[in-house]
Amino acid sequence: MSEATAAGAVEVLIARLPHAADLPLPSPATAGSAGYDLASAEEGELAPFERRLFRTGFSIAVPVGYECQLRPRSGLALRHGVTLPNTPATIDSDYRGELMVALVNLGSEAFRVTRGMRIAQMIIARVERVAFHPVEALPSTARGTGGFGSSGT
């Protein structure tokens, strides 16, 4: 058992695919980072408003009761307008294929993704199972059916 596992970390199995032999395992940038940086295993260019999948070269086995969330890197989003169109993306516990990151360029200039560039962060999060109970009416609240913007000014 590793030191991280002994300290209570969730153990996630990870397989490095042949085209990622030289890429680092996902890792946090700092000791306090919540996300694990995920690098691109390929190069490519994103034109303004273009969407594309980028391979990472890794597949993982997320434990039952958890999900892997892929999220944008704030620096890419702020400086270049590059983000994930489906954020957070969910990788389910029964998926065993390669991790792929959907990127979109919302900027006004083309953006070049290089091999090894950190393109997303991943977070392993607990997923709660729920049981839906059909009812004729829901309990009332002060907000009621007020939707988007109804609680603000």
Protein backbone atom coordinates (compact mmCIF):
# COMPACT_ATOMS: atom_id res chain seq x y z
CA MET A 1 0.00 0.00 0.00
CA SER A 2 1.43 3.38 -1.00
CA GLU A 3 1.90 6.27 1.41
CA ALA A 4 -0.90 8.21 -0.36
CA THR A 5 -3.30 5.29 -0.02
CA ALA A 6 -2.35 4.84 3.62
CA ALA A 7 -3.14 8.54 4.15
CA GLY A 8 -6.72 7.99 2.97
CA ALA A 9 -6.42 8.86 -0.73
CA VAL A 10 -8.85 7.26 -3.17
CA GLU A 11 -6.92 4.73 -5.23
CA VAL A 12 -7.44 5.08 -8.99
CA LEU A 13 -5.84 2.61 -11.38
CA ILE A 14 -4.25 4.27 -14.42
CA ALA A 15 -2.92 2.70 -17.61
CA ARG A 16 -0.40 4.50 -19.80
CA LEU A 17 -1.12 3.82 -23.46
CA PRO A 18 1.78 3.32 -25.92
CA HIS A 19 1.50 6.82 -27.40
CA ALA A 20 2.00 8.36 -23.94
CA ALA A 21 5.25 6.63 -23.02
CA ASP A 22 7.04 9.94 -22.43
CA LEU A 23 4.17 11.85 -20.79
CA PRO A 24 3.92 12.40 -17.02
CA LEU A 25 1.14 10.92 -14.94
CA PRO A 26 -1.59 13.43 -14.06
CA SER A 27 -0.39 15.42 -11.08
CA PRO A 28 -1.33 18.49 -9.03
CA ALA A 29 0.66 21.65 -9.82
CA THR A 30 1.05 22.51 -6.12
CA ALA A 31 0.49 20.78 -2.79
CA GLY A 32 -2.82 22.63 -2.40
CA SER A 33 -4.13 22.03 -5.94
CA ALA A 34 -7.51 20.30 -6.10
CA GLY A 35 -7.10 19.19 -9.71
CA TYR A 36 -4.59 16.89 -11.37
CA ASP A 37 -3.17 18.41 -14.56
CA LEU A 38 -3.76 16.34 -17.67
CA ALA A 39 -1.53 16.78 -20.73
CA SER A 40 -2.28 16.34 -24.41
CA ALA A 41 -0.76 13.32 -26.14
CA GLU A 42 -1.07 15.00 -29.52
CA GLU A 43 -0.60 18.29 -31.29
CA GLY A 44 -3.21 20.28 -33.10
CA GLU A 45 -4.56 23.71 -33.83
CA LEU A 46 -7.94 25.06 -32.80
CA ALA A 47 -9.35 27.79 -35.02
CA PRO A 48 -11.60 30.38 -33.36
CA PHE A 49 -14.85 28.70 -32.25
CA GLU A 50 -13.58 25.25 -33.27
CA ARG A 51 -14.18 22.21 -31.03
CA ARG A 52 -11.99 19.11 -31.05
CA LEU A 53 -11.11 16.06 -28.96
CA PHE A 54 -7.52 15.68 -27.80
CA ARG A 55 -6.13 12.32 -26.66
CA THR A 56 -4.29 12.08 -23.35
CA GLY A 57 -2.67 8.66 -23.65
CA PHE A 58 -4.16 7.39 -20.38
CA SER A 59 -7.14 5.35 -19.32
CA ILE A 60 -8.31 5.02 -15.73
CA ALA A 61 -10.49 2.80 -13.56
CA VAL A 62 -12.57 5.13 -11.42
CA PRO A 63 -13.85 3.29 -8.32
CA VAL A 64 -17.58 2.58 -8.11
CA GLY A 65 -19.25 5.43 -6.23
CA TYR A 66 -16.95 8.04 -7.80
CA GLU A 67 -16.62 9.96 -11.06
CA CYS A 68 -13.72 11.69 -12.76
CA GLN A 69 -14.51 15.30 -13.66
CA LEU A 70 -12.53 17.08 -16.37
CA ARG A 71 -12.37 20.85 -15.97
CA PRO A 72 -10.77 23.75 -17.83
CA ARG A 73 -7.41 25.21 -16.88
CA SER A 74 -8.07 28.77 -15.78
CA GLY A 75 -4.96 30.22 -17.46
CA LEU A 76 -5.90 28.80 -20.88
CA ALA A 77 -9.45 30.08 -20.46
CA LEU A 78 -8.43 33.58 -19.38
CA ARG A 79 -5.48 34.18 -21.72
CA HIS A 80 -6.67 32.34 -24.84
CA GLY A 81 -10.39 31.59 -24.48
CA VAL A 82 -9.68 27.84 -24.58
CA THR A 83 -12.03 25.87 -22.37
CA LEU A 84 -14.09 22.68 -22.24
CA PRO A 85 -17.51 22.91 -23.91
CA ASN A 86 -18.97 20.30 -21.56
CA THR A 87 -17.54 21.36 -18.26
CA PRO A 88 -17.30 19.57 -16.03
CA ALA A 89 -17.05 16.52 -18.25
CA THR A 90 -17.87 13.29 -16.45
CA ILE A 91 -15.92 10.04 -16.80
CA ASP A 92 -18.06 7.26 -15.32
CA SER A 93 -16.71 4.44 -13.15
CA ASP A 94 -17.43 1.80 -15.81
CA TYR A 95 -15.58 3.57 -18.69
CA ARG A 96 -12.21 2.05 -19.58
CA GLY A 97 -11.33 3.87 -22.80
CA GLU A 98 -8.73 6.55 -23.32
CA LEU A 99 -9.34 9.85 -21.55
CA MET A 100 -10.17 12.42 -24.21
CA VAL A 101 -10.52 16.15 -23.61
CA ALA A 102 -12.98 18.18 -25.67
CA LEU A 103 -11.56 21.67 -26.14
CA VAL A 104 -13.20 24.72 -27.68
CA ASN A 105 -11.44 27.92 -28.70
CA LEU A 106 -13.67 30.86 -27.78
CA GLY A 107 -10.88 33.29 -28.58
CA SER A 108 -10.43 35.41 -31.69
CA GLU A 109 -7.14 33.79 -32.77
CA ALA A 110 -6.08 30.22 -33.55
CA PHE A 111 -4.63 28.31 -30.59
CA ARG A 112 -1.89 25.68 -30.93
CA VAL A 113 -1.99 22.65 -28.62
CA THR A 114 1.40 20.97 -28.29
CA ARG A 115 2.23 17.46 -27.12
CA GLY A 116 2.71 17.50 -23.35
CA MET A 117 0.81 20.78 -22.88
CA ARG A 118 -1.45 20.75 -19.82
CA ILE A 119 -4.94 21.10 -21.30
CA ALA A 120 -7.33 20.18 -18.47
CA GLN A 121 -7.52 19.23 -14.83
CA MET A 122 -9.18 16.16 -13.44
CA ILE A 123 -10.85 15.71 -10.11
CA ILE A 124 -12.12 12.47 -8.62
CA ALA A 125 -15.40 13.13 -6.81
CA ARG A 126 -17.83 11.02 -4.83
CA VAL A 127 -21.19 10.40 -6.48
CA GLU A 128 -24.23 9.90 -4.29
CA ARG A 129 -26.93 7.49 -5.43
CA VAL A 130 -30.49 8.71 -5.03
CA ALA A 131 -33.89 7.08 -5.05
CA PHE A 132 -36.60 9.10 -6.79
CA HIS A 133 -40.02 9.00 -5.11
CA PRO A 134 -42.87 10.21 -7.34
CA VAL A 135 -45.35 12.50 -5.55
CA GLU A 136 -48.38 14.53 -6.60
CA ALA A 137 -46.96 17.79 -5.21
CA LEU A 138 -43.66 18.97 -3.72
CA PRO A 139 -43.36 20.69 -0.33
CA SER A 140 -43.57 24.48 -0.70
CA THR A 141 -40.69 26.90 -0.09
CA ALA A 142 -40.36 30.69 0.12
CA ARG A 143 -38.79 30.74 -3.35
CA GLY A 144 -41.37 28.45 -4.90
CA THR A 145 -41.04 28.09 -8.66
CA GLY A 146 -38.93 31.24 -9.14
CA GLY A 147 -36.29 30.39 -11.75
CA PHE A 148 -33.18 32.01 -13.17
CA GLY A 149 -32.44 35.31 -11.49
CA SER A 150 -35.49 35.22 -9.24
CA SER A 151 -33.48 35.34 -6.01
CA GLY A 152 -31.19 38.21 -7.08
CA THR A 153 -31.67 41.79 -8.18
